[in-house]
Amino acid sequence: MSRVSRRTVVPLLLVLVVAAGIGLYLFQPWKAFTDTTVNEALPTASAPEVKGGEPSMKSTRPKALAEGRFVTHEHDTSGTARTVRLADGGQVLRLEDLKTSEGPDVRVYLSARAADEAKAGLDDGAVALGKLKGNLGSQNYTVPAGTDLSKLRSVVIWCERFSVSFGAADLAAVSG
């Protein structure tokens, strides 16, 4: 038997260390064992009210526009998604009692696709709302001004790194 030379072992070990580092960066396996809880209150805004010629600020309640329950795709996902119009006219997506997995580069989208179709991928017109703040709890995402919510059918929790949907919720108009 021939002995393996040091000139062979050292480069091989370096390649293995680099490959392990890349694997850890891409997969972030520790996230399978961690949770991030976020519990934000629903934002309130004040709308100007004119009384006797003097403007004053009157707090009004946000108005729910649409809502739906999350369904699981690649990771167990549950909770409620709700779009809300604030008194100042701004729109917010609110995730309530969200439970899903942590993952690398997980983001929140509004999509024209139905929740079950979003499992196959995001549509070209999907609206990015930002990185998922936490995999547990209740959180708010500002909907960009000018977004037509009537054309968007679902909310998708999407992992950019692996192009998979963790879960999605169909949005149905709230009556009243």
Protein backbone atom coordinates (compact mmCIF):
# COMPACT_ATOMS: atom_id res chain seq x y z
CA MET A 1 0.00 0.00 0.00
CA SER A 2 1.16 3.46 -0.77
CA ARG A 3 1.04 6.22 1.75
CA VAL A 4 -0.98 9.32 1.00
CA SER A 5 1.33 12.28 0.78
CA ARG A 6 0.91 15.49 2.66
CA ARG A 7 0.73 17.31 -0.69
CA THR A 8 -2.49 15.42 -1.42
CA VAL A 9 -4.13 15.60 2.01
CA VAL A 10 -3.77 19.35 2.68
CA PRO A 11 -5.42 20.53 -0.58
CA LEU A 12 -8.15 17.91 -0.14
CA LEU A 13 -8.88 19.16 3.38
CA LEU A 14 -8.97 22.77 2.15
CA VAL A 15 -11.51 21.84 -0.55
CA LEU A 16 -13.64 20.04 2.05
CA VAL A 17 -13.56 23.03 4.42
CA VAL A 18 -14.55 25.44 1.63
CA ALA A 19 -17.36 23.10 0.48
CA ALA A 20 -18.64 22.78 4.06
CA GLY A 21 -18.61 26.59 4.44
CA ILE A 22 -20.58 27.04 1.22
CA GLY A 23 -23.06 24.35 2.31
CA LEU A 24 -23.58 26.01 5.69
CA TYR A 25 -24.10 29.40 4.04
CA LEU A 26 -26.64 28.07 1.53
CA PHE A 27 -28.65 25.73 3.75
CA GLN A 28 -28.27 27.40 7.16
CA PRO A 29 -29.25 24.13 8.89
CA TRP A 30 -29.37 25.70 12.36
CA LYS A 31 -32.55 27.51 11.30
CA ALA A 32 -34.36 24.18 11.52
CA PHE A 33 -33.91 24.46 15.29
CA THR A 34 -34.51 28.18 15.87
CA ASP A 35 -37.54 30.47 15.95
CA THR A 36 -37.96 34.23 15.72
CA THR A 37 -41.13 35.61 17.31
CA VAL A 38 -42.48 39.01 16.27
CA ASN A 39 -45.62 40.50 17.83
CA GLU A 40 -46.37 43.87 16.28
CA ALA A 41 -49.57 45.79 16.95
CA LEU A 42 -51.74 46.74 14.01
CA PRO A 43 -50.69 50.27 13.02
CA THR A 44 -53.15 53.05 13.62
CA ALA A 45 -53.14 56.33 11.80
CA SER A 46 -54.91 59.57 12.33
CA ALA A 47 -57.00 61.26 9.69
CA PRO A 48 -57.53 65.00 9.67
CA GLU A 49 -60.98 66.11 10.73
CA VAL A 50 -62.24 69.66 10.35
CA LYS A 51 -64.36 71.01 13.22
CA GLY A 52 -65.50 74.60 13.18
CA GLY A 53 -62.88 75.52 10.59
CA GLU A 54 -60.06 74.16 12.78
CA PRO A 55 -58.36 70.95 11.67
CA SER A 56 -57.90 68.35 14.39
CA MET A 57 -56.63 64.78 14.38
CA LYS A 58 -59.17 62.03 14.86
CA SER A 59 -58.04 58.45 15.25
CA THR A 60 -60.06 56.05 13.14
CA ARG A 61 -59.97 52.29 13.06
CA PRO A 62 -58.25 50.45 10.22
CA LYS A 63 -60.64 48.74 7.77
CA ALA A 64 -60.12 45.08 6.86
CA LEU A 65 -60.25 44.62 3.06
CA ALA A 66 -59.51 40.93 2.52
CA GLU A 67 -58.34 37.94 4.54
CA GLY A 68 -57.50 34.28 4.33
CA ARG A 69 -55.92 31.34 6.17
CA PHE A 70 -52.50 29.97 5.32
CA VAL A 71 -52.10 26.52 3.80
CA THR A 72 -48.91 24.48 3.93
CA HIS A 73 -46.66 24.04 0.91
CA GLU A 74 -43.02 23.02 1.56
CA HIS A 75 -43.07 23.76 5.32
CA ASP A 76 -45.88 23.59 7.87
CA THR A 77 -47.49 27.03 7.75
CA SER A 78 -50.58 28.34 9.53
CA GLY A 79 -52.12 31.64 10.56
CA THR A 80 -54.17 34.40 8.97
CA ALA A 81 -53.28 37.00 6.36
CA ARG A 82 -55.29 40.21 6.22
CA THR A 83 -55.06 43.33 4.06
CA VAL A 84 -56.04 46.50 5.88
CA ARG A 85 -56.63 50.11 4.82
CA LEU A 86 -55.43 52.63 7.39
CA ALA A 87 -57.20 55.92 8.11
CA ASP A 88 -54.55 57.82 6.14
CA GLY A 89 -55.27 55.68 3.06
CA GLY A 90 -52.16 53.52 3.37
CA GLN A 91 -52.48 49.75 3.02
CA VAL A 92 -50.90 47.10 5.19
CA LEU A 93 -50.64 43.32 4.97
CA ARG A 94 -51.01 41.86 8.45
CA LEU A 95 -49.95 38.31 9.27
CA GLU A 96 -51.60 37.11 12.49
CA ASP A 97 -50.67 34.06 14.57
CA LEU A 98 -48.20 33.03 11.87
CA LYS A 99 -46.42 29.72 12.41
CA THR A 100 -43.93 28.55 9.81
CA SER A 101 -40.29 27.48 9.59
CA GLU A 102 -37.27 29.73 9.56
CA GLY A 103 -35.17 29.56 6.46
CA PRO A 104 -32.56 31.42 4.49
CA ASP A 105 -33.87 34.51 2.67
CA VAL A 106 -37.60 34.02 3.32
CA ARG A 107 -39.78 36.83 1.96
CA VAL A 108 -43.42 37.92 1.85
CA TYR A 109 -45.20 38.45 -1.49
CA LEU A 110 -48.64 39.35 -2.77
CA SER A 111 -49.45 37.28 -5.86
CA ALA A 112 -52.07 37.23 -8.62
CA ARG A 113 -52.01 33.42 -8.38
CA ALA A 114 -54.27 31.46 -6.06
CA ALA A 115 -52.57 29.95 -3.00
CA ASP A 116 -52.51 26.40 -4.43
CA GLU A 117 -50.96 27.67 -7.70
CA ALA A 118 -48.28 29.62 -5.83
CA LYS A 119 -46.70 26.32 -4.81
CA ALA A 120 -45.42 26.08 -8.40
CA GLY A 121 -43.86 29.56 -8.27
CA LEU A 122 -44.46 33.27 -8.10
CA ASP A 123 -46.05 35.07 -11.03
CA ASP A 124 -44.27 37.89 -12.87
CA GLY A 125 -46.51 40.52 -11.26
CA ALA A 126 -45.91 39.40 -7.66
CA VAL A 127 -45.40 42.32 -5.27
CA ALA A 128 -42.49 41.96 -2.84
CA LEU A 129 -43.25 43.26 0.65
CA GLY A 130 -39.92 42.43 2.29
CA LYS A 131 -38.10 39.82 4.32
CA LEU A 132 -40.17 37.76 6.74
CA LYS A 133 -39.65 39.46 10.11
CA GLY A 134 -40.19 36.31 12.14
CA ASN A 135 -41.52 32.81 11.64
CA LEU A 136 -43.87 33.11 14.63
CA GLY A 137 -46.32 35.79 15.73
CA SER A 138 -48.12 38.77 14.23
CA GLN A 139 -46.45 41.29 11.92
CA ASN A 140 -47.21 44.08 9.45
CA TYR A 141 -45.89 44.80 5.96
CA THR A 142 -46.52 48.07 4.14
CA VAL A 143 -48.15 47.58 0.75
CA PRO A 144 -46.48 49.90 -1.79
CA ALA A 145 -48.56 52.93 -2.77
CA GLY A 146 -50.44 52.38 -6.02
CA THR A 147 -50.75 48.61 -5.56
CA ASP A 148 -54.14 47.41 -6.81
CA LEU A 149 -55.09 44.80 -4.21
CA SER A 150 -58.13 43.74 -6.27
CA LYS A 151 -55.73 42.11 -8.77
CA LEU A 152 -53.82 40.16 -6.12
CA ARG A 153 -55.31 36.88 -4.93
CA SER A 154 -52.90 35.53 -2.34
CA VAL A 155 -50.09 36.08 0.13
CA VAL A 156 -47.04 33.83 -0.28
CA ILE A 157 -44.23 33.08 2.17
CA TRP A 158 -41.42 32.43 -0.31
CA CYS A 159 -37.82 31.23 0.11
CA GLU A 160 -35.75 33.15 -2.45
CA ARG A 161 -32.68 30.98 -2.00
CA PHE A 162 -34.42 27.75 -3.00
CA SER A 163 -37.39 29.16 -4.98
CA VAL A 164 -40.02 27.38 -2.89
CA SER A 165 -43.21 28.45 -1.20
CA PHE A 166 -43.37 27.67 2.51
CA GLY A 167 -47.11 28.41 2.48
CA ALA A 168 -49.74 30.74 1.04
CA ALA A 169 -53.15 32.22 1.88
CA ASP A 170 -55.94 33.08 -0.55
CA LEU A 171 -57.33 36.56 0.08
CA ALA A 172 -61.13 36.86 0.04
CA ALA A 173 -62.88 40.23 0.30
CA VAL A 174 -64.27 41.03 3.74
CA SER A 175 -67.90 42.14 3.68
CA GLY A 176 -69.06 45.13 5.67
